[in-house]
Amino acid sequence: FPEVEEVESHGMPHFKVQGKTFANLAVNHHGD
């Protein structure tokens, strides 16, 4: 998608558009 950047925060990738997060990729978050 346009103007999207990936930022690592709290151990997971955050996908942001214009500085606002619209999706997080969570792998085994807190052992879930």
PDB file of all heavy atoms in Angstrom:
ATOM      1  N   PHE A   1       0.837  -1.191   0.000  1.00  0.00           N
ATOM      2  CA  PHE A   1       0.000   0.000   0.000  1.00  0.00           C
ATOM      3  C   PHE A   1       0.881   1.254   0.000  1.00  0.00           C
ATOM      4  O   PHE A   1       2.008   1.228   0.502  1.00  0.00           O
ATOM      5  CB  PHE A   1      -0.904   0.004   1.237  1.00  0.00           C
ATOM      6  CG  PHE A   1      -1.935  -1.083   1.251  1.00  0.00           C
ATOM      7  CD1 PHE A   1      -1.631  -2.343   1.755  1.00  0.00           C
ATOM      8  CD2 PHE A   1      -3.210  -0.854   0.752  1.00  0.00           C
ATOM      9  CE1 PHE A   1      -2.584  -3.351   1.768  1.00  0.00           C
ATOM     10  CE2 PHE A   1      -4.164  -1.852   0.764  1.00  0.00           C
ATOM     11  CZ  PHE A   1      -3.854  -3.106   1.268  1.00  0.00           C
ATOM     12  N   PRO A   2       0.388   2.361  -0.528  1.00  0.00           N
ATOM     13  CA  PRO A   2       1.206   3.578  -0.601  1.00  0.00           C
ATOM     14  C   PRO A   2       1.470   4.196   0.769  1.00  0.00           C
ATOM     15  O   PRO A   2       0.640   4.117   1.682  1.00  0.00           O
ATOM     16  CB  PRO A   2       0.356   4.519  -1.467  1.00  0.00           C
ATOM     17  CG  PRO A   2      -1.044   4.017  -1.332  1.00  0.00           C
ATOM     18  CD  PRO A   2      -0.928   2.530  -1.180  1.00  0.00           C
ATOM     19  N   GLU A   3       2.650   4.810   0.882  1.00  0.00           N
ATOM     20  CA  GLU A   3       3.072   5.564   2.067  1.00  0.00           C
ATOM     21  C   GLU A   3       3.105   4.725   3.340  1.00  0.00           C
ATOM     22  O   GLU A   3       2.898   5.237   4.445  1.00  0.00           O
ATOM     23  CB  GLU A   3       2.188   6.801   2.262  1.00  0.00           C
ATOM     24  CG  GLU A   3       2.282   7.794   1.130  1.00  0.00           C
ATOM     25  CD  GLU A   3       1.654   9.132   1.443  1.00  0.00           C
ATOM     26  OE1 GLU A   3       1.696   9.550   2.629  1.00  0.00           O
ATOM     27  OE2 GLU A   3       1.128   9.764   0.512  1.00  0.00           O
ATOM     28  N   VAL A   4       3.377   3.428   3.181  1.00  0.00           N
ATOM     29  CA  VAL A   4       3.444   2.532   4.338  1.00  0.00           C
ATOM     30  C   VAL A   4       4.900   2.298   4.721  1.00  0.00           C
ATOM     31  O   VAL A   4       5.758   2.122   3.856  1.00  0.00           O
ATOM     32  CB  VAL A   4       2.747   1.182   4.040  1.00  0.00           C
ATOM     33  CG1 VAL A   4       3.067   0.160   5.135  1.00  0.00           C
ATOM     34  CG2 VAL A   4       1.254   1.381   3.936  1.00  0.00           C
ATOM     35  N   GLU A   5       5.170   2.295   6.015  1.00  0.00           N
ATOM     36  CA  GLU A   5       6.485   1.941   6.537  1.00  0.00           C
ATOM     37  C   GLU A   5       6.324   0.888   7.613  1.00  0.00           C
ATOM     38  O   GLU A   5       5.291   0.827   8.295  1.00  0.00           O
ATOM     39  CB  GLU A   5       7.200   3.166   7.112  1.00  0.00           C
ATOM     40  CG  GLU A   5       6.477   3.812   8.284  1.00  0.00           C
ATOM     41  CD  GLU A   5       7.266   4.944   8.904  1.00  0.00           C
ATOM     42  OE1 GLU A   5       8.492   5.011   8.641  1.00  0.00           O
ATOM     43  OE2 GLU A   5       6.687   5.746   9.654  1.00  0.00           O
ATOM     44  N   GLU A   6       7.334   0.038   7.746  1.00  0.00           N
ATOM     45  CA  GLU A   6       7.351  -0.981   8.791  1.00  0.00           C
ATOM     46  C   GLU A   6       8.259  -0.513   9.916  1.00  0.00           C
ATOM     47  O   GLU A   6       9.406  -0.138   9.684  1.00  0.00           O
ATOM     48  CB  GLU A   6       7.854  -2.315   8.234  1.00  0.00           C
ATOM     49  CG  GLU A   6       7.924  -3.418   9.293  1.00  0.00           C
ATOM     50  CD  GLU A   6       8.482  -4.721   8.751  1.00  0.00           C
ATOM     51  OE1 GLU A   6       8.447  -4.929   7.520  1.00  0.00           O
ATOM     52  OE2 GLU A   6       8.963  -5.548   9.560  1.00  0.00           O
ATOM     53  N   VAL A   7       7.741  -0.546  11.128  1.00  0.00           N
ATOM     54  CA  VAL A   7       8.486  -0.106  12.302  1.00  0.00           C
ATOM     55  C   VAL A   7       8.437  -1.210  13.350  1.00  0.00           C
ATOM     56  O   VAL A   7       7.362  -1.769  13.634  1.00  0.00           O
ATOM     57  CB  VAL A   7       7.886   1.193  12.887  1.00  0.00           C
ATOM     58  CG1 VAL A   7       8.636   1.604  14.144  1.00  0.00           C
ATOM     59  CG2 VAL A   7       7.912   2.316  11.850  1.00  0.00           C
ATOM     60  N   GLU A   8       9.583  -1.543  13.924  1.00  0.00           N
ATOM     61  CA  GLU A   8       9.639  -2.546  14.983  1.00  0.00           C
ATOM     62  C   GLU A   8       9.334  -1.873  16.317  1.00  0.00           C
ATOM     63  O   GLU A   8       9.963  -0.872  16.678  1.00  0.00           O
ATOM     64  CB  GLU A   8      11.023  -3.187  15.034  1.00  0.00           C
ATOM     65  CG  GLU A   8      11.132  -4.371  15.967  1.00  0.00           C
ATOM     66  CD  GLU A   8      10.589  -5.665  15.374  1.00  0.00           C
ATOM     67  OE1 GLU A   8      10.317  -5.683  14.155  1.00  0.00           O
ATOM     68  OE2 GLU A   8      10.451  -6.638  16.119  1.00  0.00           O
ATOM     69  N   SER A   9       8.375  -2.415  17.052  1.00  0.00           N
ATOM     70  CA  SER A   9       8.019  -1.856  18.346  1.00  0.00           C
ATOM     71  C   SER A   9       7.524  -2.968  19.253  1.00  0.00           C
ATOM     72  O   SER A   9       6.684  -3.780  18.841  1.00  0.00           O
ATOM     73  CB  SER A   9       6.935  -0.779  18.190  1.00  0.00           C
ATOM     74  OG  SER A   9       6.553  -0.253  19.441  1.00  0.00           O
ATOM     75  N   HIS A  10       8.063  -3.021  20.476  1.00  0.00           N
ATOM     76  CA  HIS A  10       7.672  -4.045  21.451  1.00  0.00           C
ATOM     77  C   HIS A  10       7.819  -5.456  20.881  1.00  0.00           C
ATOM     78  O   HIS A  10       6.984  -6.328  21.126  1.00  0.00           O
ATOM     79  CB  HIS A  10       6.237  -3.809  21.940  1.00  0.00           C
ATOM     80  CG  HIS A  10       6.059  -2.491  22.644  1.00  0.00           C
ATOM     81  ND1 HIS A  10       6.540  -2.257  23.910  1.00  0.00           N
ATOM     82  CD2 HIS A  10       5.469  -1.335  22.235  1.00  0.00           C
ATOM     83  CE1 HIS A  10       6.239  -1.014  24.266  1.00  0.00           C
ATOM     84  NE2 HIS A  10       5.598  -0.433  23.265  1.00  0.00           N
ATOM     85  N   GLY A  11       8.857  -5.650  20.078  1.00  0.00           N
ATOM     86  CA  GLY A  11       9.164  -6.970  19.568  1.00  0.00           C
ATOM     87  C   GLY A  11       8.307  -7.438  18.410  1.00  0.00           C
ATOM     88  O   GLY A  11       8.372  -8.616  18.035  1.00  0.00           O
ATOM     89  N   MET A  12       7.518  -6.560  17.817  1.00  0.00           N
ATOM     90  CA  MET A  12       6.703  -6.979  16.673  1.00  0.00           C
ATOM     91  C   MET A  12       6.688  -5.892  15.601  1.00  0.00           C
ATOM     92  O   MET A  12       6.808  -4.705  15.911  1.00  0.00           O
ATOM     93  CB  MET A  12       5.274  -7.311  17.105  1.00  0.00           C
ATOM     94  CG  MET A  12       4.417  -6.135  17.512  1.00  0.00           C
ATOM     95  SD  MET A  12       2.697  -6.606  17.866  1.00  0.00           S
ATOM     96  CE  MET A  12       2.900  -7.408  19.444  1.00  0.00           C
ATOM     97  N   PRO A  13       6.537  -6.293  14.328  1.00  0.00           N
ATOM     98  CA  PRO A  13       6.447  -5.309  13.251  1.00  0.00           C
ATOM     99  C   PRO A  13       5.103  -4.573  13.288  1.00  0.00           C
ATOM    100  O   PRO A  13       4.050  -5.197  13.400  1.00  0.00           O
ATOM    101  CB  PRO A  13       6.563  -6.161  11.980  1.00  0.00           C
ATOM    102  CG  PRO A  13       7.115  -7.475  12.429  1.00  0.00           C
ATOM    103  CD  PRO A  13       6.604  -7.669  13.822  1.00  0.00           C
ATOM    104  N   HIS A  14       5.180  -3.250  13.224  1.00  0.00           N
ATOM    105  CA  HIS A  14       3.990  -2.404  13.094  1.00  0.00           C
ATOM    106  C   HIS A  14       4.008  -1.824  11.681  1.00  0.00           C
ATOM    107  O   HIS A  14       5.035  -1.287  11.244  1.00  0.00           O
ATOM    108  CB  HIS A  14       4.013  -1.261  14.103  1.00  0.00           C
ATOM    109  CG  HIS A  14       3.781  -1.691  15.516  1.00  0.00           C
ATOM    110  ND1 HIS A  14       2.897  -1.048  16.350  1.00  0.00           N
ATOM    111  CD2 HIS A  14       4.299  -2.696  16.251  1.00  0.00           C
ATOM    112  CE1 HIS A  14       2.893  -1.629  17.539  1.00  0.00           C
ATOM    113  NE2 HIS A  14       3.746  -2.636  17.496  1.00  0.00           N
ATOM    114  N   PHE A  15       2.888  -1.902  10.999  1.00  0.00           N
ATOM    115  CA  PHE A  15       2.794  -1.327   9.659  1.00  0.00           C
ATOM    116  C   PHE A  15       1.995  -0.031   9.771  1.00  0.00           C
ATOM    117  O   PHE A  15       0.857  -0.026  10.245  1.00  0.00           O
ATOM    118  CB  PHE A  15       2.144  -2.317   8.693  1.00  0.00           C
ATOM    119  CG  PHE A  15       2.964  -3.578   8.551  1.00  0.00           C
ATOM    120  CD1 PHE A  15       2.659  -4.710   9.292  1.00  0.00           C
ATOM    121  CD2 PHE A  15       4.060  -3.614   7.704  1.00  0.00           C
ATOM    122  CE1 PHE A  15       3.423  -5.866   9.188  1.00  0.00           C
ATOM    123  CE2 PHE A  15       4.834  -4.767   7.590  1.00  0.00           C
ATOM    124  CZ  PHE A  15       4.513  -5.893   8.337  1.00  0.00           C
ATOM    125  N   LYS A  16       2.639   1.062   9.333  1.00  0.00           N
ATOM    126  CA  LYS A  16       2.059   2.384   9.526  1.00  0.00           C
ATOM    127  C   LYS A  16       1.854   3.090   8.199  1.00  0.00           C
ATOM    128  O   LYS A  16       2.666   2.967   7.278  1.00  0.00           O
ATOM    129  CB  LYS A  16       2.972   3.239  10.413  1.00  0.00           C
ATOM    130  CG  LYS A  16       3.133   2.715  11.829  1.00  0.00           C
ATOM    131  CD  LYS A  16       3.888   3.704  12.699  1.00  0.00           C
ATOM    132  CE  LYS A  16       3.907   3.250  14.152  1.00  0.00           C
ATOM    133  NZ  LYS A  16       4.465   4.291  15.041  1.00  0.00           N
ATOM    134  N   VAL A  17       0.777   3.834   8.119  1.00  0.00           N
ATOM    135  CA  VAL A  17       0.540   4.707   6.979  1.00  0.00           C
ATOM    136  C   VAL A  17       0.434   6.125   7.535  1.00  0.00           C
ATOM    137  O   VAL A  17      -0.348   6.389   8.441  1.00  0.00           O
ATOM    138  CB  VAL A  17      -0.721   4.318   6.179  1.00  0.00           C
ATOM    139  CG1 VAL A  17      -1.968   4.248   7.061  1.00  0.00           C
ATOM    140  CG2 VAL A  17      -0.931   5.286   5.022  1.00  0.00           C
ATOM    141  N   GLN A  18       1.265   7.000   7.012  1.00  0.00           N
ATOM    142  CA  GLN A  18       1.298   8.397   7.459  1.00  0.00           C
ATOM    143  C   GLN A  18       1.470   8.485   8.983  1.00  0.00           C
ATOM    144  O   GLN A  18       0.865   9.310   9.650  1.00  0.00           O
ATOM    145  CB  GLN A  18       0.019   9.108   7.008  1.00  0.00           C
ATOM    146  CG  GLN A  18      -0.130   9.127   5.487  1.00  0.00           C
ATOM    147  CD  GLN A  18      -1.486   9.624   5.037  1.00  0.00           C
ATOM    148  OE1 GLN A  18      -2.501   8.949   5.264  1.00  0.00           O
ATOM    149  NE2 GLN A  18      -1.508  10.799   4.417  1.00  0.00           N
ATOM    150  N   GLY A  19       2.287   7.571   9.511  1.00  0.00           N
ATOM    151  CA  GLY A  19       2.616   7.602  10.932  1.00  0.00           C
ATOM    152  C   GLY A  19       1.634   6.907  11.849  1.00  0.00           C
ATOM    153  O   GLY A  19       1.870   6.826  13.061  1.00  0.00           O
ATOM    154  N   LYS A  20       0.552   6.369  11.312  1.00  0.00           N
ATOM    155  CA  LYS A  20      -0.456   5.705  12.135  1.00  0.00           C
ATOM    156  C   LYS A  20      -0.494   4.211  11.835  1.00  0.00           C
ATOM    157  O   LYS A  20      -0.514   3.808  10.669  1.00  0.00           O
ATOM    158  CB  LYS A  20      -1.834   6.308  11.891  1.00  0.00           C
ATOM    159  CG  LYS A  20      -1.952   7.765  12.335  1.00  0.00           C
ATOM    160  CD  LYS A  20      -3.360   8.280  12.110  1.00  0.00           C
ATOM    161  CE  LYS A  20      -3.502   9.728  12.567  1.00  0.00           C
ATOM    162  NZ  LYS A  20      -4.875  10.233  12.348  1.00  0.00           N
ATOM    163  N   THR A  21      -0.509   3.384  12.886  1.00  0.00           N
ATOM    164  CA  THR A  21      -0.507   1.931  12.720  1.00  0.00           C
ATOM    165  C   THR A  21      -1.869   1.427  12.269  1.00  0.00           C
ATOM    166  O   THR A  21      -2.897   1.796  12.841  1.00  0.00           O
ATOM    167  CB  THR A  21      -0.130   1.243  14.042  1.00  0.00           C
ATOM    168  OG1 THR A  21       1.170   1.682  14.443  1.00  0.00           O
ATOM    169  CG2 THR A  21      -0.122  -0.273  13.893  1.00  0.00           C
ATOM    170  N   PHE A  22      -1.846   0.578  11.235  1.00  0.00           N
ATOM    171  CA  PHE A  22      -3.080  -0.069  10.799  1.00  0.00           C
ATOM    172  C   PHE A  22      -3.015  -1.586  10.930  1.00  0.00           C
ATOM    173  O   PHE A  22      -4.050  -2.261  10.867  1.00  0.00           O
ATOM    174  CB  PHE A  22      -3.431   0.320   9.359  1.00  0.00           C
ATOM    175  CG  PHE A  22      -2.476  -0.198   8.307  1.00  0.00           C
ATOM    176  CD1 PHE A  22      -2.728  -1.387   7.634  1.00  0.00           C
ATOM    177  CD2 PHE A  22      -1.337   0.520   7.973  1.00  0.00           C
ATOM    178  CE1 PHE A  22      -1.869  -1.850   6.654  1.00  0.00           C
ATOM    179  CE2 PHE A  22      -0.459   0.062   6.996  1.00  0.00           C
ATOM    180  CZ  PHE A  22      -0.724  -1.131   6.336  1.00  0.00           C
ATOM    181  N   ALA A  23      -1.802  -2.136  11.147  1.00  0.00           N
ATOM    182  CA  ALA A  23      -1.661  -3.589  11.285  1.00  0.00           C
ATOM    183  C   ALA A  23      -0.405  -3.913  12.087  1.00  0.00           C
ATOM    184  O   ALA A  23       0.614  -3.236  11.952  1.00  0.00           O
ATOM    185  CB  ALA A  23      -1.593  -4.254   9.911  1.00  0.00           C
ATOM    186  N   ASN A  24      -0.500  -4.944  12.918  1.00  0.00           N
ATOM    187  CA  ASN A  24       0.647  -5.486  13.653  1.00  0.00           C
ATOM    188  C   ASN A  24       0.783  -6.957  13.310  1.00  0.00           C
ATOM    189  O   ASN A  24      -0.229  -7.674  13.254  1.00  0.00           O
ATOM    190  CB  ASN A  24       0.454  -5.377  15.169  1.00  0.00           C
ATOM    191  CG  ASN A  24       0.344  -3.957  15.660  1.00  0.00           C
ATOM    192  OD1 ASN A  24       0.885  -3.040  15.054  1.00  0.00           O
ATOM    193  ND2 ASN A  24      -0.370  -3.762  16.759  1.00  0.00           N
ATOM    194  N   LEU A  25       1.998  -7.410  13.092  1.00  0.00           N
ATOM    195  CA  LEU A  25       2.262  -8.831  12.894  1.00  0.00           C
ATOM    196  C   LEU A  25       2.774  -9.404  14.209  1.00  0.00           C
ATOM    197  O   LEU A  25       3.852  -9.032  14.679  1.00  0.00           O
ATOM    198  CB  LEU A  25       3.290  -9.048  11.783  1.00  0.00           C
ATOM    199  CG  LEU A  25       3.734 -10.501  11.535  1.00  0.00           C
ATOM    200  CD1 LEU A  25       2.551 -11.384  11.155  1.00  0.00           C
ATOM    201  CD2 LEU A  25       4.812 -10.556  10.458  1.00  0.00           C
ATOM    202  N   ALA A  26       1.998 -10.284  14.818  1.00  0.00           N
ATOM    203  CA  ALA A  26       2.331 -10.827  16.137  1.00  0.00           C
ATOM    204  C   ALA A  26       2.608 -12.320  16.033  1.00  0.00           C
ATOM    205  O   ALA A  26       1.719 -13.098  15.664  1.00  0.00           O
ATOM    206  CB  ALA A  26       1.181 -10.580  17.114  1.00  0.00           C
ATOM    207  N   VAL A  27       3.835 -12.713  16.341  1.00  0.00           N
ATOM    208  CA  VAL A  27       4.230 -14.115  16.298  1.00  0.00           C
ATOM    209  C   VAL A  27       4.450 -14.603  17.725  1.00  0.00           C
ATOM    210  O   VAL A  27       5.344 -14.127  18.426  1.00  0.00           O
ATOM    211  CB  VAL A  27       5.517 -14.316  15.463  1.00  0.00           C
ATOM    212  CG1 VAL A  27       5.889 -15.796  15.422  1.00  0.00           C
ATOM    213  CG2 VAL A  27       5.322 -13.777  14.049  1.00  0.00           C
ATOM    214  N   ASN A  28       3.594 -15.516  18.168  1.00  0.00           N
ATOM    215  CA  ASN A  28       3.693 -16.096  19.512  1.00  0.00           C
ATOM    216  C   ASN A  28       3.741 -15.005  20.583  1.00  0.00           C
ATOM    217  O   ASN A  28       4.559 -15.046  21.506  1.00  0.00           O
ATOM    218  CB  ASN A  28       4.934 -16.994  19.624  1.00  0.00           C
ATOM    219  CG  ASN A  28       4.878 -17.919  20.831  1.00  0.00           C
ATOM    220  OD1 ASN A  28       3.836 -18.456  21.169  1.00  0.00           O
ATOM    221  ND2 ASN A  28       6.012 -18.103  21.488  1.00  0.00           N
ATOM    222  N   HIS A  29       2.855 -14.042  20.470  1.00  0.00           N
ATOM    223  CA  HIS A  29       2.860 -12.920  21.407  1.00  0.00           C
ATOM    224  C   HIS A  29       2.612 -13.418  22.824  1.00  0.00           C
ATOM    225  O   HIS A  29       1.577 -14.008  23.126  1.00  0.00           O
ATOM    226  CB  HIS A  29       1.790 -11.904  21.012  1.00  0.00           C
ATOM    227  CG  HIS A  29       1.708 -10.727  21.944  1.00  0.00           C
ATOM    228  ND1 HIS A  29       2.664  -9.751  21.975  1.00  0.00           N
ATOM    229  CD2 HIS A  29       0.795 -10.403  22.884  1.00  0.00           C
ATOM    230  CE1 HIS A  29       2.342  -8.854  22.894  1.00  0.00           C
ATOM    231  NE2 HIS A  29       1.217  -9.226  23.470  1.00  0.00           N
ATOM    232  N   HIS A  30       3.588 -13.185  23.687  1.00  0.00           N
ATOM    233  CA  HIS A  30       3.519 -13.627  25.085  1.00  0.00           C
ATOM    234  C   HIS A  30       3.146 -15.106  25.198  1.00  0.00           C
ATOM    235  O   HIS A  30       2.421 -15.511  26.108  1.00  0.00           O
ATOM    236  CB  HIS A  30       2.528 -12.767  25.881  1.00  0.00           C
ATOM    237  CG  HIS A  30       3.037 -11.370  26.114  1.00  0.00           C
ATOM    238  ND1 HIS A  30       2.296 -10.410  26.764  1.00  0.00           N
ATOM    239  CD2 HIS A  30       4.213 -10.761  25.766  1.00  0.00           C
ATOM    240  CE1 HIS A  30       2.997  -9.280  26.822  1.00  0.00           C
ATOM    241  NE2 HIS A  30       4.163  -9.476  26.214  1.00  0.00           N
ATOM    242  N   GLY A  31       3.639 -15.895  24.226  1.00  0.00           N
ATOM    243  CA  GLY A  31       3.443 -17.334  24.283  1.00  0.00           C
ATOM    244  C   GLY A  31       2.063 -17.805  23.904  1.00  0.00           C
ATOM    245  O   GLY A  31       1.673 -18.921  24.279  1.00  0.00           O
ATOM    246  N   ASP A  32       1.308 -17.016  23.114  1.00  0.00           N
ATOM    247  CA  ASP A  32      -0.055 -17.429  22.777  1.00  0.00           C
ATOM    248  C   ASP A  32      -0.125 -18.475  21.668  1.00  0.00           C
ATOM    249  O   ASP A  32      -1.199 -19.006  21.368  1.00  0.00           O
ATOM    250  CB  ASP A  32      -0.928 -16.221  22.415  1.00  0.00           C
ATOM    251  CG  ASP A  32      -0.505 -15.515  21.125  1.00  0.00           C
ATOM    252  OD1 ASP A  32       0.429 -15.994  20.431  1.00  0.00           O
ATOM    253  OD2 ASP A  32      -1.118 -14.476  20.794  1.00  0.00           O
TER     254      ASP A  32
END
